[in-house]
Protein backbone atom coordinates (compact mmCIF):
# COMPACT_ATOMS: atom_id res chain seq x y z
CA MET A 1 148.80 36.57 172.10
CA THR A 2 146.80 34.53 174.65
CA SER A 3 146.37 30.87 174.09
CA LYS A 4 143.26 31.04 176.43
CA THR A 5 140.11 29.69 175.00
CA ILE A 6 136.59 31.02 175.14
CA SER A 7 133.99 28.69 175.50
CA LEU A 8 130.40 28.97 174.16
CA ASN A 9 129.13 29.24 177.51
CA GLN A 10 131.30 31.96 178.67
CA LEU A 11 130.04 33.84 175.54
CA VAL A 12 126.42 33.02 176.69
CA ALA A 13 127.44 34.18 180.23
CA TRP A 14 128.74 37.59 178.59
CA LEU A 15 125.54 38.06 176.87
CA ASN A 16 123.31 37.19 179.75
CA LYS A 17 125.65 39.86 181.95
CA PHE A 18 124.94 42.45 178.95
CA SER A 19 121.27 41.80 179.56
CA GLU A 20 121.56 41.99 183.09
CA LEU A 21 123.21 45.49 182.96
CA VAL A 22 121.04 47.18 180.27
CA SER A 23 118.17 45.86 182.50
CA ALA A 24 119.75 47.94 185.59
CA GLN A 25 120.57 50.67 183.51
CA CYS A 26 117.26 50.96 181.56
CA ASN A 27 116.39 54.54 183.15
CA TYR A 28 119.78 55.80 182.56
CA LEU A 29 119.83 54.89 178.98
CA THR A 30 116.69 56.14 178.32
CA ASP A 31 117.37 59.39 180.08
CA LEU A 32 120.46 59.92 177.92
CA ASP A 33 118.41 59.04 174.90
CA ALA A 34 115.52 61.45 176.18
CA ALA A 35 117.97 64.25 175.81
CA ILE A 36 119.02 63.89 172.27
CA GLY A 37 116.76 61.01 170.71
CA ASP A 38 113.52 59.14 170.85
CA ALA A 39 113.89 58.35 174.90
CA ASP A 40 113.57 54.89 174.22
CA HIS A 41 116.93 53.22 174.00
CA GLY A 42 117.09 51.88 177.31
CA THR A 43 113.42 49.82 176.83
CA ASN A 44 114.31 49.08 173.44
CA MET A 45 117.71 47.33 174.41
CA VAL A 46 115.90 45.51 177.35
CA ARG A 47 113.25 44.28 175.17
CA GLY A 48 115.77 42.91 172.83
CA MET A 49 117.86 41.53 175.24
CA THR A 50 115.43 39.78 177.23
CA ALA A 51 114.25 38.21 173.81
CA VAL A 52 117.96 37.29 172.82
CA MET A 53 118.05 35.50 176.43
CA ASN A 54 114.82 33.79 176.23
CA ALA A 55 115.53 32.54 172.58
CA ILE A 56 118.96 31.06 173.63
CA THR A 57 117.28 29.38 176.78
CA ALA A 58 114.39 27.89 174.33
CA ALA A 59 116.93 26.35 171.90
CA PRO A 60 120.39 26.57 172.98
CA PRO A 61 122.68 27.05 170.04
CA SER A 62 125.42 24.32 169.66
CA THR A 63 128.05 26.35 168.19
CA ILE A 64 129.40 29.97 168.47
CA GLY A 65 128.24 30.99 164.93
CA ASP A 66 124.74 29.95 165.76
CA LEU A 67 124.74 31.73 169.20
CA PHE A 68 125.47 34.94 167.46
CA LYS A 69 123.30 34.74 164.58
CA VAL A 70 120.40 34.08 167.07
CA VAL A 71 121.19 37.04 168.85
CA GLY A 72 121.99 39.44 165.84
CA MET A 73 118.72 38.14 163.87
CA THR A 74 116.39 38.77 167.63
CA LEU A 75 117.92 42.11 168.09
CA VAL A 76 117.16 43.07 164.42
CA SER A 77 113.39 42.19 164.85
CA THR A 78 112.76 43.08 168.41
CA VAL A 79 114.78 46.39 168.67
CA GLY A 80 113.65 49.54 167.19
CA GLY A 81 115.42 52.94 166.12
CA ALA A 82 118.99 52.47 164.51
CA SER A 83 120.22 50.41 167.46
CA GLY A 84 118.51 47.06 166.29
CA PRO A 85 120.10 47.08 162.81
CA LEU A 86 123.49 48.08 164.46
CA TYR A 87 123.73 45.83 167.20
CA GLY A 88 122.32 42.88 165.23
CA THR A 89 124.46 43.47 162.16
CA PHE A 90 127.33 43.47 165.01
CA PHE A 91 126.50 39.83 166.35
CA LEU A 92 125.53 38.51 162.72
CA ARG A 93 128.89 39.28 161.69
CA MET A 94 130.58 37.96 164.70
CA GLY A 95 128.59 34.81 163.88
CA VAL A 96 129.41 34.05 160.18
CA THR A 97 133.23 34.94 161.23
CA SER A 98 133.09 32.71 164.48
CA GLY A 99 131.77 29.74 162.35
CA ALA A 100 130.79 26.19 163.66
CA VAL A 101 133.14 25.85 166.63
CA SER A 102 132.36 25.54 170.14
CA GLU A 103 135.55 27.77 171.25
CA LEU A 104 137.51 30.64 169.99
CA ASN A 105 141.01 31.90 171.13
CA GLY A 106 141.92 35.14 171.96
CA ALA A 107 142.74 35.74 168.23
CA GLN A 108 139.79 34.27 166.66
CA LEU A 109 137.62 36.24 169.19
CA LEU A 110 139.27 39.81 168.38
CA MET A 111 138.72 38.76 164.51
CA ALA A 112 134.90 38.09 164.96
CA LEU A 113 134.39 41.04 167.07
CA ASN A 114 136.51 43.02 164.22
CA ALA A 115 134.16 41.67 161.68
CA GLY A 116 130.99 42.72 163.73
CA MET A 117 132.55 46.30 163.95
CA GLU A 118 133.25 46.02 160.25
CA GLY A 119 129.44 45.14 159.70
CA VAL A 120 128.41 48.12 161.96
CA VAL A 121 130.33 50.48 159.76
CA ALA A 122 129.13 49.11 156.82
CA ARG A 123 125.53 49.52 158.14
CA GLY A 124 125.23 52.80 159.44
CA LYS A 125 128.74 54.52 158.11
CA PRO A 126 129.91 55.89 161.42
CA LEU A 127 133.12 57.88 161.87
CA ALA A 128 134.95 58.44 164.73
CA ASN A 129 133.83 61.40 166.37
CA ASP A 130 130.06 61.16 164.79
CA LYS A 131 128.67 60.96 168.48
CA THR A 132 127.54 57.16 168.00
CA LEU A 133 128.35 53.79 169.50
CA PHE A 134 131.13 53.54 167.38
CA ASP A 135 132.97 56.06 169.66
CA ALA A 136 133.09 53.50 172.50
CA LEU A 137 133.39 50.47 170.19
CA ALA A 138 136.39 51.11 168.10
CA PRO A 139 138.52 52.34 170.98
CA ALA A 140 137.38 49.32 172.97
CA LEU A 141 138.44 46.94 170.56
CA HIS A 142 141.69 49.04 169.49
CA ALA A 143 142.58 48.45 173.32
CA PHE A 144 141.77 44.77 173.22
CA ALA A 145 143.82 44.19 170.20
CA ILE A 146 146.80 45.92 171.66
CA SER A 147 146.51 43.99 175.08
CA LEU A 148 146.45 40.78 173.47
CA ASN A 149 149.42 41.26 171.16
CA SER A 150 151.24 42.40 173.84
CA CYS A 151 150.71 38.79 175.37
CA HIS A 152 148.50 40.08 178.09
CA SER A 153 146.13 37.74 179.60
CA LEU A 154 142.58 37.51 178.34
CA SER A 155 141.21 39.24 181.29
CA ASP A 156 143.57 42.54 181.12
CA ALA A 157 142.55 42.60 177.62
CA ALA A 158 139.02 42.59 178.41
CA LEU A 159 139.69 45.19 181.37
CA ALA A 160 141.40 47.37 178.76
CA ALA A 161 138.43 46.90 176.44
CA GLN A 162 136.24 47.96 179.35
CA THR A 163 138.19 51.13 180.39
CA ALA A 164 138.63 52.21 176.42
CA ALA A 165 134.75 51.82 175.87
CA ALA A 166 133.89 54.09 179.27
CA VAL A 167 136.65 56.70 178.03
CA GLY A 168 134.91 56.51 174.43
CA ARG A 169 131.54 56.94 175.81
CA ASP A 170 132.41 59.91 178.13
CA ALA A 171 134.12 61.52 175.40
CA THR A 172 130.91 61.57 173.19
CA ALA A 173 129.38 64.30 175.57
CA SER A 174 131.77 67.13 173.91
CA LEU A 175 130.70 66.16 170.28
CA ILE A 176 128.18 67.37 168.10
CA ALA A 177 126.21 64.49 166.82
CA ARG A 178 126.45 63.68 163.01
CA LYS A 179 124.17 60.91 162.79
CA GLY A 180 120.63 59.90 163.51
CA ARG A 181 117.84 61.80 165.18
CA ALA A 182 120.31 63.77 167.50
CA SER A 183 122.32 65.17 164.47
CA TYR A 184 119.09 67.36 163.99
CA LEU A 185 120.02 69.24 167.30
CA GLY A 186 123.50 70.42 165.89
CA GLU A 187 125.48 71.98 168.42
CA ARG A 188 122.64 71.66 171.19
CA SER A 189 123.63 67.62 171.42
CA ILE A 190 126.91 69.13 172.80
CA GLY A 191 126.99 68.44 176.69
CA HIS A 192 125.12 64.86 176.26
CA ILE A 193 126.54 61.45 176.48
CA ASP A 194 125.38 59.44 173.18
CA PRO A 195 122.87 56.58 174.37
CA GLY A 196 124.60 54.01 172.14
CA SER A 197 127.96 54.32 173.11
CA ALA A 198 126.54 54.08 176.91
CA SER A 199 125.16 50.65 176.00
CA THR A 200 128.20 49.81 174.24
CA ALA A 201 130.22 50.74 177.14
CA LEU A 202 127.93 48.04 179.29
CA LEU A 203 128.62 45.46 176.64
CA PHE A 204 132.49 45.73 177.61
CA GLU A 205 131.70 46.17 180.96
CA ALA A 206 129.87 42.80 180.90
CA PHE A 207 132.88 41.48 178.68
CA ALA A 208 135.32 42.06 181.32
CA GLU A 209 133.34 40.79 184.27
CA VAL A 210 132.69 37.62 182.48
CA PHE A 211 136.14 37.20 181.59
CA SER A 212 138.01 38.52 184.71
CA GLY A 213 140.64 36.09 186.08
CA GLU A 214 141.01 34.29 182.71
């Protein structure tokens, strides 16, 4: 596994890039949600990530644990629907697992990400192929782990995670939704990408962009 460390500032850069991407793709995310949900995923995520970056700028956290706790609490309080609690829990669990440190190595980052995913599962009870953000998140973390454990660079592992998240996102189009409002549509949800998986893919696109070259 790579010994490259990830700094607090790099993680802030990851969050900032994610915020930029959801802002740029706001209409896309909202259009996806309009087809099978409440038509507000894009605007909700933009509002949440804007609030996150404002909070971080106003009072810069001194540890990675504090950073992710601020992110999680802000998302829970500002993002509506199911996305706020799920994304919020993801980052809160990452914060608890990371602790009072200013950098993480690859193994520690993977541990924090996995803890975040466990939080999502505990909160929303998603399973593979339920047509949720889990269908992008789980493959991304699996690919990230395999790449790191194969002693690939952090950059390669991040790119592997990005690719797996995008594949998982696209695969949701053929699934029947089994969670949330989209589940009420039954087979009519087929043919539409899950908006939560799309924003999760953006999270890992930001991840790969920030950690490319590492």
